[in-house]
């Protein structure tokens, strides 16, 4: 069993490290305008990360139809829900429910 003091020290060190990584940019750069490169990366990086995650999720776990088809169906449902409602939580939540229902009930 882990000692209580050891656990508290881990939490404190994690909290301090997180705090300083959040404060560091403001302490160094202040409130001046970010450069065009930073604005470009901030605008385009989230889309690139999502694309990488989609490819990783679809390709992971095998490429046979038994595992690929539920992923594709759930992915199409997520995209359709997001285009229709523009709600991230709804899209991801219902997409997860649809995928799990397909895996547990349809593609057994």
Protein backbone atom coordinates (compact mmCIF):
# COMPACT_ATOMS: atom_id res chain seq x y z
CA UNK A 1 0.00 0.00 0.00
CA UNK A 2 1.24 3.48 -0.84
CA UNK A 3 2.14 5.77 2.06
CA UNK A 4 -0.18 8.76 2.61
CA UNK A 5 2.71 11.28 2.65
CA UNK A 6 4.02 9.88 -0.62
CA UNK A 7 0.59 10.30 -2.24
CA UNK A 8 0.28 13.88 -0.98
CA UNK A 9 3.75 14.72 -2.30
CA UNK A 10 2.86 13.33 -5.74
CA UNK A 11 -0.33 15.41 -5.84
CA UNK A 12 1.51 18.56 -4.71
CA UNK A 13 4.31 18.14 -7.25
CA UNK A 14 1.78 17.51 -10.03
CA UNK A 15 -0.24 20.58 -9.00
CA UNK A 16 2.84 22.81 -8.87
CA UNK A 17 4.10 21.56 -12.24
CA UNK A 18 0.68 22.13 -13.82
CA UNK A 19 0.41 25.61 -12.31
CA UNK A 20 3.84 26.68 -13.57
CA UNK A 21 3.25 25.35 -17.08
CA UNK A 22 0.04 27.40 -17.20
CA UNK A 23 1.63 30.57 -15.79
CA UNK A 24 4.93 30.38 -17.73
CA UNK A 25 3.70 31.83 -21.07
CA UNK A 26 2.07 34.80 -19.33
CA UNK A 27 5.12 35.45 -17.18
CA UNK A 28 7.49 35.34 -20.15
CA UNK A 29 5.45 36.94 -22.92
CA UNK A 30 3.11 39.14 -20.91
CA UNK A 31 -0.05 40.42 -22.57
CA UNK A 32 1.38 41.38 -25.95
CA UNK A 33 -0.21 40.07 -29.14
CA UNK A 34 0.84 36.56 -30.19
CA UNK A 35 2.75 36.16 -33.43
CA UNK A 36 1.10 35.06 -36.67
CA UNK A 37 2.72 31.64 -36.33
CA UNK A 38 1.17 31.09 -32.91
CA UNK A 39 -2.24 32.21 -34.19
CA UNK A 40 -1.93 29.88 -37.20
CA UNK A 41 -0.98 26.90 -35.05
CA UNK A 42 -3.76 27.68 -32.57
CA UNK A 43 -6.29 27.79 -35.39
CA UNK A 44 -5.20 24.69 -37.32
CA UNK A 45 -3.74 22.30 -34.74
CA UNK A 46 -7.05 21.12 -33.23
CA UNK A 47 -8.31 19.95 -36.63
CA UNK A 48 -5.06 18.11 -37.31
CA UNK A 49 -5.16 16.40 -33.93
CA UNK A 50 -8.76 15.29 -34.48
CA UNK A 51 -7.86 13.89 -37.91
CA UNK A 52 -4.96 11.91 -36.42
CA UNK A 53 -7.20 10.56 -33.65
CA UNK A 54 -9.85 9.47 -36.14
CA UNK A 55 -7.31 7.58 -38.23
CA UNK A 56 -5.83 6.00 -35.10
CA UNK A 57 -9.23 4.92 -33.79
CA UNK A 58 -10.42 3.47 -37.09
CA UNK A 59 -7.18 1.63 -37.90
CA UNK A 60 -6.55 0.32 -34.39
CA UNK A 61 -7.79 -3.15 -33.55
CA UNK A 62 -7.83 -4.74 -36.97
CA UNK A 63 -9.14 -3.99 -40.43
CA UNK A 64 -11.64 -6.83 -40.92
CA UNK A 65 -15.30 -5.93 -41.51
CA UNK A 66 -16.35 -7.30 -38.13
CA UNK A 67 -14.39 -4.59 -36.31
CA UNK A 68 -14.20 -1.88 -38.98
CA UNK A 69 -17.90 -1.59 -39.84
CA UNK A 70 -19.13 -0.54 -36.35
CA UNK A 71 -16.40 2.11 -36.20
CA UNK A 72 -17.34 3.53 -39.59
CA UNK A 73 -21.07 3.52 -38.80
CA UNK A 74 -20.51 5.25 -35.45
CA UNK A 75 -18.13 7.73 -37.09
CA UNK A 76 -20.69 8.64 -39.75
CA UNK A 77 -23.29 9.09 -37.01
CA UNK A 78 -20.94 11.39 -35.07
CA UNK A 79 -20.28 13.53 -38.13
CA UNK A 80 -23.98 13.69 -39.06
CA UNK A 81 -25.00 14.60 -35.50
CA UNK A 82 -22.33 17.27 -35.29
CA UNK A 83 -23.28 18.82 -38.63
CA UNK A 84 -26.92 18.76 -37.61
CA UNK A 85 -26.76 19.94 -33.98
CA UNK A 86 -23.25 21.51 -33.61
CA UNK A 87 -22.95 20.04 -30.13
CA UNK A 88 -19.69 18.26 -29.30
CA UNK A 89 -21.01 16.51 -26.19
CA UNK A 90 -24.08 15.20 -27.98
CA UNK A 91 -22.09 14.02 -30.99
CA UNK A 92 -19.42 12.21 -29.00
CA UNK A 93 -21.84 10.82 -26.41
CA UNK A 94 -24.36 9.41 -28.88
CA UNK A 95 -21.57 8.19 -31.15
CA UNK A 96 -20.12 6.23 -28.24
CA UNK A 97 -23.53 4.79 -27.36
CA UNK A 98 -24.12 3.81 -31.00
CA UNK A 99 -20.70 2.17 -31.28
CA UNK A 100 -21.12 0.22 -28.05
CA UNK A 101 -24.62 -0.90 -29.06
CA UNK A 102 -23.31 -2.08 -32.42
CA UNK A 103 -20.40 -3.95 -30.87
CA UNK A 104 -22.42 -5.53 -28.05
CA UNK A 105 -25.71 -6.27 -29.84
CA UNK A 106 -25.26 -6.36 -33.62
CA UNK A 107 -21.68 -7.42 -34.39
CA UNK A 108 -21.37 -10.08 -31.70
